[in-house]
Amino acid sequence: TGRLKTDENGRCYSRDDEAVDALIERLKNPVDDRPICAFVGLMFPHTPYGVEEPYYSAIDRSKIPQRVRWQECSGKPLMEERLREYQHMQDYTDEQWTELRAAYLAMCMKVDDQFGRLCRALKDAGIYDDCAIFVLSDHGDFTGDYGIPEKAQNCFEECLTAVPLIIKPPAWEKADVGITDSLAELVDFYATVLDYS
């Protein structure tokens, strides 16, 4: 859908915004002095592809990488062929795919902004250094690679599986800080979180 409309206050308030604002409000007004554990599951970025300003226009369409073209690939799963067939996106132009990809990236930008707001709220509450923070996604998105939008759980293309996992341990935790290309799975994530409880 591309650019979403905003209300008279210039906002396009979603359930994601509501969830982030609710946690920020909880941090500003703690009920007691017990530690807090919060899970914020956001739907962005997800279909339908659409986001409001200023995110929508912030993406430079000329810098969006070229799509992986299925015509140039071999040995791909039959499922991808069927998805292309059933989704009827064969007539999408390169310009339309670029716009879809731009909207997706703008949605990612909004999530980054929301995460920044949460981190500022933790700092304002004076508990950021004591927090273990985990940021992850359950999957990526084709966004036009192989001529397909969205996802397919049984296709393990790089665009679906190479998603970030960011861990910020408490300040007192000794950590081997850095970036790794090591494989992490959700079972690893849950086990790591439980180690902190």
N, C-alpha and C. Protein backbone atom coordinates (compact mmCIF):
# COMPACT_ATOMS: atom_id res chain seq x y z
N THR A 1 0.81 -1.20 0.00
CA THR A 1 0.00 0.00 0.00
C THR A 1 0.85 1.26 0.00
N GLY A 2 2.15 1.17 0.32
CA GLY A 2 3.03 2.32 0.25
C GLY A 2 2.87 3.28 1.40
N ARG A 3 2.55 4.53 1.09
CA ARG A 3 2.45 5.58 2.10
C ARG A 3 1.10 5.52 2.80
N LEU A 4 1.13 5.38 4.13
CA LEU A 4 -0.10 5.36 4.90
C LEU A 4 -0.51 6.78 5.26
N LYS A 5 -1.79 6.99 5.34
CA LYS A 5 -2.30 8.30 5.71
C LYS A 5 -2.13 8.50 7.22
N THR A 6 -2.07 9.77 7.59
CA THR A 6 -1.96 10.11 9.00
C THR A 6 -3.22 10.85 9.45
N ASP A 7 -3.41 10.94 10.76
CA ASP A 7 -4.58 11.64 11.28
C ASP A 7 -4.31 13.15 11.37
N GLU A 8 -5.21 13.86 11.96
CA GLU A 8 -5.08 15.32 12.05
C GLU A 8 -3.87 15.76 12.87
N ASN A 9 -3.32 14.84 13.68
CA ASN A 9 -2.12 15.14 14.47
C ASN A 9 -0.84 14.67 13.79
N GLY A 10 -0.97 14.21 12.53
CA GLY A 10 0.19 13.73 11.80
C GLY A 10 0.67 12.36 12.22
N ARG A 11 -0.22 11.57 12.81
CA ARG A 11 0.15 10.24 13.29
C ARG A 11 -0.63 9.16 12.57
N CYS A 12 -0.03 8.01 12.49
CA CYS A 12 -0.69 6.81 12.00
C CYS A 12 -0.48 5.78 13.11
N TYR A 13 -1.36 5.82 14.10
CA TYR A 13 -1.16 5.08 15.34
C TYR A 13 -1.59 3.63 15.14
N SER A 14 -0.64 2.72 15.32
CA SER A 14 -0.89 1.30 15.11
C SER A 14 -0.84 0.54 16.44
N ARG A 15 -1.13 -0.74 16.37
CA ARG A 15 -1.01 -1.58 17.58
C ARG A 15 0.44 -1.65 18.05
N ASP A 16 1.38 -1.57 17.10
CA ASP A 16 2.80 -1.54 17.47
C ASP A 16 3.10 -0.29 18.29
N ASP A 17 2.61 0.85 17.82
CA ASP A 17 2.80 2.10 18.56
C ASP A 17 2.18 2.00 19.95
N GLU A 18 1.01 1.41 20.01
CA GLU A 18 0.31 1.24 21.28
C GLU A 18 1.12 0.38 22.25
N ALA A 19 1.71 -0.71 21.74
CA ALA A 19 2.51 -1.60 22.60
C ALA A 19 3.75 -0.89 23.12
N VAL A 20 4.43 -0.18 22.24
CA VAL A 20 5.65 0.54 22.65
C VAL A 20 5.29 1.62 23.67
N ASP A 21 4.25 2.40 23.38
CA ASP A 21 3.85 3.46 24.31
C ASP A 21 3.41 2.90 25.66
N ALA A 22 2.75 1.75 25.67
CA ALA A 22 2.32 1.14 26.94
C ALA A 22 3.51 0.75 27.79
N LEU A 23 4.55 0.19 27.18
CA LEU A 23 5.73 -0.18 27.95
C LEU A 23 6.46 1.08 28.45
N ILE A 24 6.57 2.08 27.60
CA ILE A 24 7.22 3.32 28.03
C ILE A 24 6.46 3.94 29.21
N GLU A 25 5.15 3.93 29.15
CA GLU A 25 4.34 4.45 30.25
C GLU A 25 4.56 3.64 31.52
N ARG A 26 4.67 2.33 31.39
CA ARG A 26 4.92 1.44 32.53
C ARG A 26 6.28 1.74 33.16
N LEU A 27 7.28 2.05 32.30
CA LEU A 27 8.60 2.38 32.80
C LEU A 27 8.61 3.72 33.53
N LYS A 28 7.80 4.66 33.05
CA LYS A 28 7.72 5.97 33.69
C LYS A 28 6.99 5.91 35.02
N ASN A 29 6.06 4.96 35.13
CA ASN A 29 5.23 4.86 36.33
C ASN A 29 5.25 3.43 36.88
N PRO A 30 6.37 3.03 37.48
CA PRO A 30 6.46 1.66 37.99
C PRO A 30 5.45 1.42 39.12
N VAL A 31 4.93 0.22 39.14
CA VAL A 31 3.96 -0.16 40.16
C VAL A 31 4.65 -0.39 41.50
N ASP A 32 5.83 -0.98 41.46
CA ASP A 32 6.61 -1.23 42.67
C ASP A 32 8.08 -1.32 42.25
N ASP A 33 8.93 -1.80 43.13
CA ASP A 33 10.36 -1.83 42.81
C ASP A 33 10.85 -3.19 42.31
N ARG A 34 9.93 -4.08 42.00
CA ARG A 34 10.32 -5.38 41.46
C ARG A 34 10.89 -5.22 40.04
N PRO A 35 11.79 -6.12 39.63
CA PRO A 35 12.30 -6.08 38.26
C PRO A 35 11.16 -6.27 37.26
N ILE A 36 11.36 -5.76 36.08
CA ILE A 36 10.33 -5.89 35.04
C ILE A 36 10.86 -6.77 33.92
N CYS A 37 9.99 -7.60 33.41
CA CYS A 37 10.29 -8.40 32.23
C CYS A 37 9.22 -8.07 31.20
N ALA A 38 9.62 -7.65 30.02
CA ALA A 38 8.65 -7.25 29.00
C ALA A 38 8.98 -7.93 27.69
N PHE A 39 7.95 -8.40 27.03
CA PHE A 39 8.07 -8.92 25.66
C PHE A 39 7.22 -8.03 24.78
N VAL A 40 7.85 -7.40 23.80
CA VAL A 40 7.15 -6.51 22.89
C VAL A 40 7.22 -7.13 21.51
N GLY A 41 6.14 -7.76 21.10
CA GLY A 41 6.08 -8.41 19.79
C GLY A 41 5.41 -7.48 18.78
N LEU A 42 6.19 -6.94 17.87
CA LEU A 42 5.66 -6.00 16.89
C LEU A 42 5.34 -6.70 15.58
N MET A 43 4.37 -6.18 14.86
CA MET A 43 4.00 -6.74 13.55
C MET A 43 4.83 -6.14 12.41
N PHE A 44 5.33 -4.92 12.59
CA PHE A 44 6.19 -4.33 11.56
C PHE A 44 7.54 -5.00 11.60
N PRO A 45 8.24 -5.15 10.51
CA PRO A 45 7.72 -5.01 9.16
C PRO A 45 7.00 -6.27 8.74
N HIS A 46 5.86 -6.12 8.19
CA HIS A 46 5.03 -7.25 7.78
C HIS A 46 4.07 -6.75 6.72
N THR A 47 3.48 -7.65 5.99
CA THR A 47 2.47 -7.22 5.03
C THR A 47 1.22 -6.80 5.78
N PRO A 48 0.45 -5.89 5.22
CA PRO A 48 0.66 -5.19 3.96
C PRO A 48 1.79 -4.17 4.09
N TYR A 49 2.55 -3.99 3.01
CA TYR A 49 3.68 -3.07 3.02
C TYR A 49 3.17 -1.64 2.99
N GLY A 50 3.31 -0.94 4.09
CA GLY A 50 2.88 0.44 4.17
C GLY A 50 3.37 1.08 5.45
N VAL A 51 3.70 2.36 5.36
CA VAL A 51 4.21 3.11 6.50
C VAL A 51 3.96 4.59 6.25
N GLU A 52 3.86 5.33 7.33
CA GLU A 52 3.59 6.76 7.23
C GLU A 52 4.89 7.56 7.09
N GLU A 53 4.70 8.86 6.87
CA GLU A 53 5.83 9.79 6.91
C GLU A 53 6.28 9.97 8.35
N PRO A 54 7.51 10.24 8.64
CA PRO A 54 8.58 10.58 7.71
C PRO A 54 9.32 9.37 7.17
N TYR A 55 8.93 8.18 7.60
CA TYR A 55 9.65 6.97 7.21
C TYR A 55 9.52 6.68 5.71
N TYR A 56 8.32 6.84 5.20
CA TYR A 56 8.06 6.49 3.80
C TYR A 56 9.03 7.19 2.84
N SER A 57 9.24 8.47 3.03
CA SER A 57 10.08 9.24 2.12
C SER A 57 11.56 9.19 2.48
N ALA A 58 11.90 8.59 3.59
CA ALA A 58 13.29 8.58 4.04
C ALA A 58 14.15 7.58 3.27
N ILE A 59 13.55 6.67 2.56
CA ILE A 59 14.30 5.64 1.84
C ILE A 59 14.63 6.13 0.43
N ASP A 60 15.91 6.15 0.12
CA ASP A 60 16.37 6.55 -1.21
C ASP A 60 16.20 5.37 -2.16
N ARG A 61 15.21 5.45 -3.01
CA ARG A 61 14.89 4.35 -3.92
C ARG A 61 16.05 4.00 -4.84
N SER A 62 16.91 4.96 -5.15
CA SER A 62 18.03 4.70 -6.06
C SER A 62 19.12 3.84 -5.43
N LYS A 63 19.09 3.68 -4.11
CA LYS A 63 20.11 2.90 -3.41
C LYS A 63 19.63 1.50 -3.01
N ILE A 64 18.43 1.15 -3.40
CA ILE A 64 17.90 -0.17 -3.04
C ILE A 64 18.57 -1.23 -3.92
N PRO A 65 19.14 -2.27 -3.31
CA PRO A 65 19.82 -3.31 -4.10
C PRO A 65 18.88 -4.01 -5.08
N GLN A 66 19.47 -4.50 -6.15
CA GLN A 66 18.70 -5.25 -7.13
C GLN A 66 18.14 -6.53 -6.51
N ARG A 67 17.00 -6.94 -7.01
CA ARG A 67 16.38 -8.19 -6.54
C ARG A 67 17.14 -9.39 -7.09
N VAL A 68 17.05 -10.51 -6.38
CA VAL A 68 17.52 -11.78 -6.91
C VAL A 68 16.46 -12.24 -7.90
N ARG A 69 16.83 -12.45 -9.13
CA ARG A 69 15.87 -12.81 -10.18
C ARG A 69 15.82 -14.34 -10.33
N TRP A 70 14.62 -14.87 -10.21
CA TRP A 70 14.46 -16.31 -10.26
C TRP A 70 14.89 -16.86 -11.62
N GLN A 71 14.77 -16.05 -12.67
CA GLN A 71 15.14 -16.51 -14.01
C GLN A 71 16.63 -16.82 -14.11
N GLU A 72 17.42 -16.24 -13.22
CA GLU A 72 18.87 -16.44 -13.24
C GLU A 72 19.32 -17.51 -12.26
N CYS A 73 18.37 -18.19 -11.61
CA CYS A 73 18.68 -19.20 -10.61
C CYS A 73 18.32 -20.59 -11.12
N SER A 74 18.98 -21.57 -10.55
CA SER A 74 18.62 -22.96 -10.86
C SER A 74 18.59 -23.74 -9.56
N GLY A 75 17.87 -24.85 -9.59
CA GLY A 75 17.82 -25.72 -8.42
C GLY A 75 17.00 -25.19 -7.27
N LYS A 76 16.08 -24.28 -7.54
CA LYS A 76 15.25 -23.73 -6.48
C LYS A 76 14.05 -24.63 -6.22
N PRO A 77 13.46 -24.56 -5.02
CA PRO A 77 12.34 -25.43 -4.68
C PRO A 77 11.12 -25.16 -5.55
N LEU A 78 10.38 -26.22 -5.83
CA LEU A 78 9.13 -26.11 -6.57
C LEU A 78 8.17 -25.17 -5.86
N MET A 79 8.26 -25.11 -4.53
CA MET A 79 7.37 -24.24 -3.76
C MET A 79 7.49 -22.79 -4.21
N GLU A 80 8.70 -22.34 -4.50
CA GLU A 80 8.89 -20.96 -4.94
C GLU A 80 8.21 -20.72 -6.29
N GLU A 81 8.27 -21.68 -7.16
CA GLU A 81 7.58 -21.57 -8.45
C GLU A 81 6.07 -21.46 -8.25
N ARG A 82 5.54 -22.28 -7.36
CA ARG A 82 4.10 -22.25 -7.09
C ARG A 82 3.68 -20.94 -6.44
N LEU A 83 4.51 -20.43 -5.53
CA LEU A 83 4.20 -19.14 -4.91
C LEU A 83 4.13 -18.05 -5.98
N ARG A 84 5.09 -18.02 -6.88
CA ARG A 84 5.05 -17.02 -7.96
C ARG A 84 3.79 -17.17 -8.79
N GLU A 85 3.44 -18.41 -9.07
CA GLU A 85 2.26 -18.69 -9.89
C GLU A 85 0.98 -18.26 -9.18
N TYR A 86 0.83 -18.62 -7.91
CA TYR A 86 -0.43 -18.36 -7.19
C TYR A 86 -0.59 -16.91 -6.75
N GLN A 87 0.52 -16.21 -6.56
CA GLN A 87 0.44 -14.82 -6.11
C GLN A 87 0.19 -13.84 -7.25
N HIS A 88 0.32 -14.31 -8.48
CA HIS A 88 0.01 -13.49 -9.66
C HIS A 88 0.75 -12.15 -9.66
N MET A 89 2.03 -12.18 -9.36
CA MET A 89 2.83 -10.95 -9.34
C MET A 89 3.72 -10.85 -10.58
N GLN A 90 3.49 -11.68 -11.58
CA GLN A 90 4.36 -11.73 -12.75
C GLN A 90 4.39 -10.41 -13.52
N ASP A 91 3.31 -9.63 -13.45
CA ASP A 91 3.26 -8.38 -14.19
C ASP A 91 3.81 -7.19 -13.40
N TYR A 92 4.28 -7.43 -12.18
CA TYR A 92 4.87 -6.34 -11.40
C TYR A 92 6.12 -5.84 -12.13
N THR A 93 6.22 -4.54 -12.27
CA THR A 93 7.39 -3.94 -12.92
C THR A 93 8.52 -3.79 -11.91
N ASP A 94 9.71 -3.54 -12.42
CA ASP A 94 10.84 -3.30 -11.53
C ASP A 94 10.57 -2.10 -10.63
N GLU A 95 9.91 -1.08 -11.17
CA GLU A 95 9.58 0.10 -10.38
C GLU A 95 8.63 -0.26 -9.24
N GLN A 96 7.66 -1.12 -9.51
CA GLN A 96 6.73 -1.53 -8.46
C GLN A 96 7.44 -2.36 -7.39
N TRP A 97 8.32 -3.26 -7.81
CA TRP A 97 9.08 -4.04 -6.84
C TRP A 97 9.96 -3.13 -5.99
N THR A 98 10.59 -2.13 -6.61
CA THR A 98 11.42 -1.19 -5.87
C THR A 98 10.59 -0.45 -4.84
N GLU A 99 9.39 -0.04 -5.22
CA GLU A 99 8.52 0.66 -4.28
C GLU A 99 8.13 -0.26 -3.11
N LEU A 100 7.83 -1.53 -3.41
CA LEU A 100 7.51 -2.48 -2.35
C LEU A 100 8.69 -2.63 -1.39
N ARG A 101 9.89 -2.76 -1.96
CA ARG A 101 11.09 -2.91 -1.14
C ARG A 101 11.34 -1.67 -0.29
N ALA A 102 11.10 -0.49 -0.88
CA ALA A 102 11.28 0.76 -0.15
C ALA A 102 10.32 0.84 1.04
N ALA A 103 9.08 0.46 0.82
CA ALA A 103 8.09 0.49 1.90
C ALA A 103 8.52 -0.47 3.02
N TYR A 104 9.01 -1.64 2.65
CA TYR A 104 9.48 -2.60 3.66
C TYR A 104 10.63 -2.02 4.47
N LEU A 105 11.61 -1.43 3.78
CA LEU A 105 12.74 -0.83 4.49
C LEU A 105 12.31 0.32 5.38
N ALA A 106 11.33 1.10 4.93
CA ALA A 106 10.80 2.19 5.75
C ALA A 106 10.11 1.64 6.99
N MET A 107 9.44 0.50 6.86
CA MET A 107 8.82 -0.14 8.01
C MET A 107 9.89 -0.58 9.01
N CYS A 108 11.01 -1.11 8.50
CA CYS A 108 12.14 -1.48 9.36
C CYS A 108 12.68 -0.25 10.08
N MET A 109 12.73 0.87 9.37
CA MET A 109 13.20 2.12 9.96
C MET A 109 12.31 2.55 11.12
N LYS A 110 11.01 2.37 10.97
CA LYS A 110 10.10 2.73 12.05
C LYS A 110 10.33 1.84 13.27
N VAL A 111 10.57 0.56 13.06
CA VAL A 111 10.86 -0.34 14.19
C VAL A 111 12.15 0.11 14.88
N ASP A 112 13.16 0.49 14.11
CA ASP A 112 14.40 0.99 14.71
C ASP A 112 14.12 2.21 15.59
N ASP A 113 13.26 3.10 15.10
CA ASP A 113 12.90 4.30 15.85
C ASP A 113 12.17 3.92 17.15
N GLN A 114 11.26 2.97 17.05
CA GLN A 114 10.54 2.54 18.25
C GLN A 114 11.49 1.91 19.27
N PHE A 115 12.44 1.13 18.78
CA PHE A 115 13.42 0.52 19.68
C PHE A 115 14.26 1.61 20.36
N GLY A 116 14.62 2.64 19.62
CA GLY A 116 15.36 3.76 20.19
C GLY A 116 14.57 4.45 21.29
N ARG A 117 13.26 4.59 21.09
CA ARG A 117 12.40 5.20 22.10
C ARG A 117 12.39 4.35 23.38
N LEU A 118 12.33 3.04 23.21
CA LEU A 118 12.34 2.14 24.38
C LEU A 118 13.67 2.24 25.13
N CYS A 119 14.77 2.28 24.41
CA CYS A 119 16.07 2.39 25.07
C CYS A 119 16.19 3.71 25.83
N ARG A 120 15.70 4.81 25.25
CA ARG A 120 15.73 6.10 25.94
C ARG A 120 14.87 6.04 27.21
N ALA A 121 13.73 5.36 27.13
CA ALA A 121 12.86 5.24 28.31
C ALA A 121 13.54 4.43 29.41
N LEU A 122 14.28 3.38 29.03
CA LEU A 122 15.02 2.60 30.03
C LEU A 122 16.11 3.45 30.67
N LYS A 123 16.77 4.26 29.87
CA LYS A 123 17.80 5.15 30.43
C LYS A 123 17.18 6.20 31.34
N ASP A 124 16.06 6.78 30.91
CA ASP A 124 15.37 7.77 31.74
C ASP A 124 14.92 7.17 33.07
N ALA A 125 14.56 5.89 33.05
CA ALA A 125 14.13 5.21 34.28
C ALA A 125 15.32 4.78 35.13
N GLY A 126 16.55 4.95 34.59
CA GLY A 126 17.75 4.60 35.34
C GLY A 126 18.02 3.11 35.43
N ILE A 127 17.45 2.32 34.52
CA ILE A 127 17.63 0.86 34.61
C ILE A 127 18.27 0.26 33.36
N TYR A 128 18.65 1.07 32.38
CA TYR A 128 19.21 0.55 31.13
C TYR A 128 20.41 -0.35 31.38
N ASP A 129 21.36 0.09 32.22
CA ASP A 129 22.58 -0.70 32.46
C ASP A 129 22.28 -2.03 33.14
N ASP A 130 21.17 -2.12 33.86
CA ASP A 130 20.81 -3.36 34.54
C ASP A 130 20.03 -4.33 33.66
N CYS A 131 19.64 -3.86 32.49
CA CYS A 131 18.75 -4.66 31.62
C CYS A 131 19.51 -5.58 30.67
N ALA A 132 18.91 -6.74 30.45
CA ALA A 132 19.29 -7.61 29.34
C ALA A 132 18.25 -7.35 28.25
N ILE A 133 18.71 -6.97 27.08
CA ILE A 133 17.80 -6.63 25.98
C ILE A 133 18.11 -7.55 24.80
N PHE A 134 17.05 -8.11 24.24
CA PHE A 134 17.17 -9.00 23.09
C PHE A 134 16.29 -8.46 21.97
N VAL A 135 16.86 -8.30 20.81
CA VAL A 135 16.10 -7.85 19.64
C VAL A 135 16.26 -8.92 18.57
N LEU A 136 15.15 -9.40 18.06
CA LEU A 136 15.21 -10.45 17.06
C LEU A 136 13.96 -10.45 16.20
N SER A 137 14.03 -11.20 15.14
CA SER A 137 12.87 -11.39 14.27
C SER A 137 12.73 -12.87 14.00
N ASP A 138 11.52 -13.28 13.67
CA ASP A 138 11.30 -14.71 13.39
C ASP A 138 11.58 -15.07 11.94
N HIS A 139 11.63 -14.08 11.05
CA HIS A 139 11.93 -14.36 9.64
C HIS A 139 12.17 -13.06 8.91
N GLY A 140 12.75 -13.18 7.73
CA GLY A 140 12.91 -12.04 6.84
C GLY A 140 11.77 -12.00 5.84
N ASP A 141 12.03 -11.42 4.68
CA ASP A 141 10.98 -11.23 3.68
C ASP A 141 11.61 -11.31 2.30
N PHE A 142 10.90 -11.92 1.36
CA PHE A 142 11.40 -11.97 -0.02
C PHE A 142 11.49 -10.57 -0.62
N THR A 143 10.53 -9.72 -0.36
CA THR A 143 10.43 -8.37 -0.93
C THR A 143 10.83 -8.34 -2.41
N GLY A 144 10.39 -9.33 -3.14
CA GLY A 144 10.63 -9.36 -4.58
C GLY A 144 11.74 -10.28 -5.02
N ASP A 145 12.60 -10.72 -4.12
CA ASP A 145 13.60 -11.71 -4.52
C ASP A 145 12.87 -12.95 -5.01
N TYR A 146 13.36 -13.52 -6.10
CA TYR A 146 12.76 -14.70 -6.74
C TYR A 146 11.34 -14.42 -7.24
N GLY A 147 10.99 -13.14 -7.37
CA GLY A 147 9.66 -12.76 -7.87
C GLY A 147 8.54 -12.99 -6.88
N ILE A 148 8.89 -12.99 -5.58
CA ILE A 148 7.91 -13.33 -4.53
C ILE A 148 7.92 -12.24 -3.45
N PRO A 149 6.76 -11.86 -2.93
CA PRO A 149 6.71 -11.02 -1.74
C PRO A 149 6.56 -11.90 -0.50
N GLU A 150 6.56 -11.31 0.65
CA GLU A 150 6.29 -11.97 1.93
C GLU A 150 7.33 -13.00 2.29
N LYS A 151 6.86 -14.15 2.78
CA LYS A 151 7.73 -15.21 3.29
C LYS A 151 7.19 -16.57 2.88
N ALA A 152 7.96 -17.57 3.11
CA ALA A 152 7.53 -18.96 2.98
C ALA A 152 8.36 -19.76 3.96
N GLN A 153 7.70 -20.32 4.97
CA GLN A 153 8.44 -20.97 6.05
C GLN A 153 9.29 -22.15 5.59
N ASN A 154 8.95 -22.76 4.48
CA ASN A 154 9.68 -23.94 4.05
C ASN A 154 10.73 -23.65 3.00
N CYS A 155 10.97 -22.37 2.69
CA CYS A 155 12.04 -21.97 1.78
C CYS A 155 13.10 -21.29 2.63
N PHE A 156 14.32 -21.72 2.51
CA PHE A 156 15.37 -21.22 3.39
C PHE A 156 16.34 -20.31 2.66
N GLU A 157 15.79 -19.39 1.89
CA GLU A 157 16.63 -18.44 1.18
C GLU A 157 17.26 -17.47 2.17
N GLU A 158 18.39 -16.90 1.78
CA GLU A 158 19.13 -15.97 2.64
C GLU A 158 18.26 -14.81 3.11
N CYS A 159 17.42 -14.28 2.23
CA CYS A 159 16.59 -13.12 2.61
C CYS A 159 15.57 -13.47 3.69
N LEU A 160 15.27 -14.73 3.87
CA LEU A 160 14.32 -15.15 4.90
C LEU A 160 15.00 -15.54 6.21
N THR A 161 16.22 -16.07 6.10
CA THR A 161 16.86 -16.65 7.28
C THR A 161 17.93 -15.76 7.91
N ALA A 162 18.50 -14.85 7.17
CA ALA A 162 19.57 -13.99 7.71
C ALA A 162 18.94 -12.77 8.37
N VAL A 163 18.43 -12.98 9.56
CA VAL A 163 17.78 -11.89 10.31
C VAL A 163 18.63 -11.59 11.54
N PRO A 164 18.56 -10.35 12.02
CA PRO A 164 19.42 -9.98 13.16
C PRO A 164 18.96 -10.58 14.48
N LEU A 165 19.93 -10.82 15.31
CA LEU A 165 19.72 -11.13 16.72
C LEU A 165 20.70 -10.23 17.47
N ILE A 166 20.18 -9.28 18.19
CA ILE A 166 21.01 -8.33 18.94
C ILE A 166 20.80 -8.59 20.43
N ILE A 167 21.90 -8.73 21.13
CA ILE A 167 21.83 -8.97 22.58
C ILE A 167 22.66 -7.90 23.28
N LYS A 168 22.01 -7.19 24.20
CA LYS A 168 22.70 -6.24 25.07
C LYS A 168 22.57 -6.79 26.48
N PRO A 169 23.66 -7.35 27.02
CA PRO A 169 23.58 -7.90 28.37
C PRO A 169 23.62 -6.77 29.40
N PRO A 170 23.32 -7.07 30.66
CA PRO A 170 23.50 -6.06 31.70
C PRO A 170 24.95 -5.59 31.72
N ALA A 171 25.17 -4.36 32.16
CA ALA A 171 26.51 -3.77 32.14
C ALA A 171 27.52 -4.59 32.95
N TRP A 172 27.05 -5.27 34.01
CA TRP A 172 27.96 -6.04 34.85
C TRP A 172 28.32 -7.40 34.26
N GLU A 173 27.63 -7.81 33.22
CA GLU A 173 27.89 -9.12 32.59
C GLU A 173 29.11 -9.04 31.69
N LYS A 174 30.07 -9.94 31.93
CA LYS A 174 31.22 -10.01 31.05
C LYS A 174 30.77 -10.61 29.72
N ALA A 175 31.12 -9.93 28.64
CA ALA A 175 30.66 -10.38 27.32
C ALA A 175 31.78 -10.26 26.31
N ASP A 176 31.80 -11.17 25.37
CA ASP A 176 32.71 -11.13 24.24
C ASP A 176 32.00 -10.30 23.16
N VAL A 177 32.17 -9.00 23.21
CA VAL A 177 31.43 -8.08 22.36
C VAL A 177 31.90 -8.20 20.91
N GLY A 178 30.95 -8.20 20.01
CA GLY A 178 31.29 -8.23 18.59
C GLY A 178 30.15 -8.72 17.74
N ILE A 179 30.47 -8.95 16.50
CA ILE A 179 29.49 -9.42 15.52
C ILE A 179 29.93 -10.80 15.05
N THR A 180 28.98 -11.70 14.94
CA THR A 180 29.29 -13.05 14.48
C THR A 180 28.29 -13.47 13.40
N ASP A 181 28.76 -14.30 12.51
CA ASP A 181 27.88 -14.89 11.50
C ASP A 181 27.39 -16.27 11.93
N SER A 182 27.63 -16.62 13.19
CA SER A 182 27.22 -17.93 13.70
C SER A 182 25.71 -18.09 13.63
N LEU A 183 25.27 -19.30 13.43
CA LEU A 183 23.86 -19.62 13.38
C LEU A 183 23.27 -19.58 14.79
N ALA A 184 22.15 -18.91 14.91
CA ALA A 184 21.40 -18.91 16.17
C ALA A 184 19.97 -19.30 15.84
N GLU A 185 19.37 -20.10 16.70
CA GLU A 185 17.99 -20.53 16.50
C GLU A 185 17.17 -20.09 17.71
N LEU A 186 15.86 -20.11 17.55
CA LEU A 186 15.00 -19.68 18.65
C LEU A 186 15.22 -20.50 19.92
N VAL A 187 15.57 -21.78 19.79
CA VAL A 187 15.83 -22.58 20.99
C VAL A 187 17.04 -22.01 21.74
N ASP A 188 18.03 -21.47 21.02
CA ASP A 188 19.18 -20.84 21.66
C ASP A 188 18.75 -19.58 22.39
N PHE A 189 17.87 -18.83 21.75
CA PHE A 189 17.39 -17.57 22.34
C PHE A 189 16.69 -17.82 23.68
N TYR A 190 15.76 -18.74 23.72
CA TYR A 190 15.01 -19.00 24.95
C TYR A 190 15.94 -19.52 26.05
N ALA A 191 16.85 -20.39 25.71
CA ALA A 191 17.78 -20.92 26.71
C ALA A 191 18.66 -19.81 27.28
N THR A 192 19.09 -18.89 26.43
CA THR A 192 19.92 -17.77 26.88
C THR A 192 19.13 -16.85 27.81
N VAL A 193 17.92 -16.53 27.45
CA VAL A 193 17.08 -15.67 28.29
C VAL A 193 16.83 -16.33 29.64
N LEU A 194 16.53 -17.61 29.64
CA LEU A 194 16.26 -18.31 30.91
C LEU A 194 17.46 -18.36 31.82
N ASP A 195 18.66 -18.30 31.24
CA ASP A 195 19.88 -18.27 32.06
C ASP A 195 19.92 -17.02 32.93
N TYR A 196 19.24 -15.96 32.52
CA TYR A 196 19.22 -14.72 33.29
C TYR A 196 18.19 -14.73 34.42
N SER A 197 17.29 -15.70 34.42
CA SER A 197 16.22 -15.69 35.44
C SER A 197 16.61 -16.40 36.71
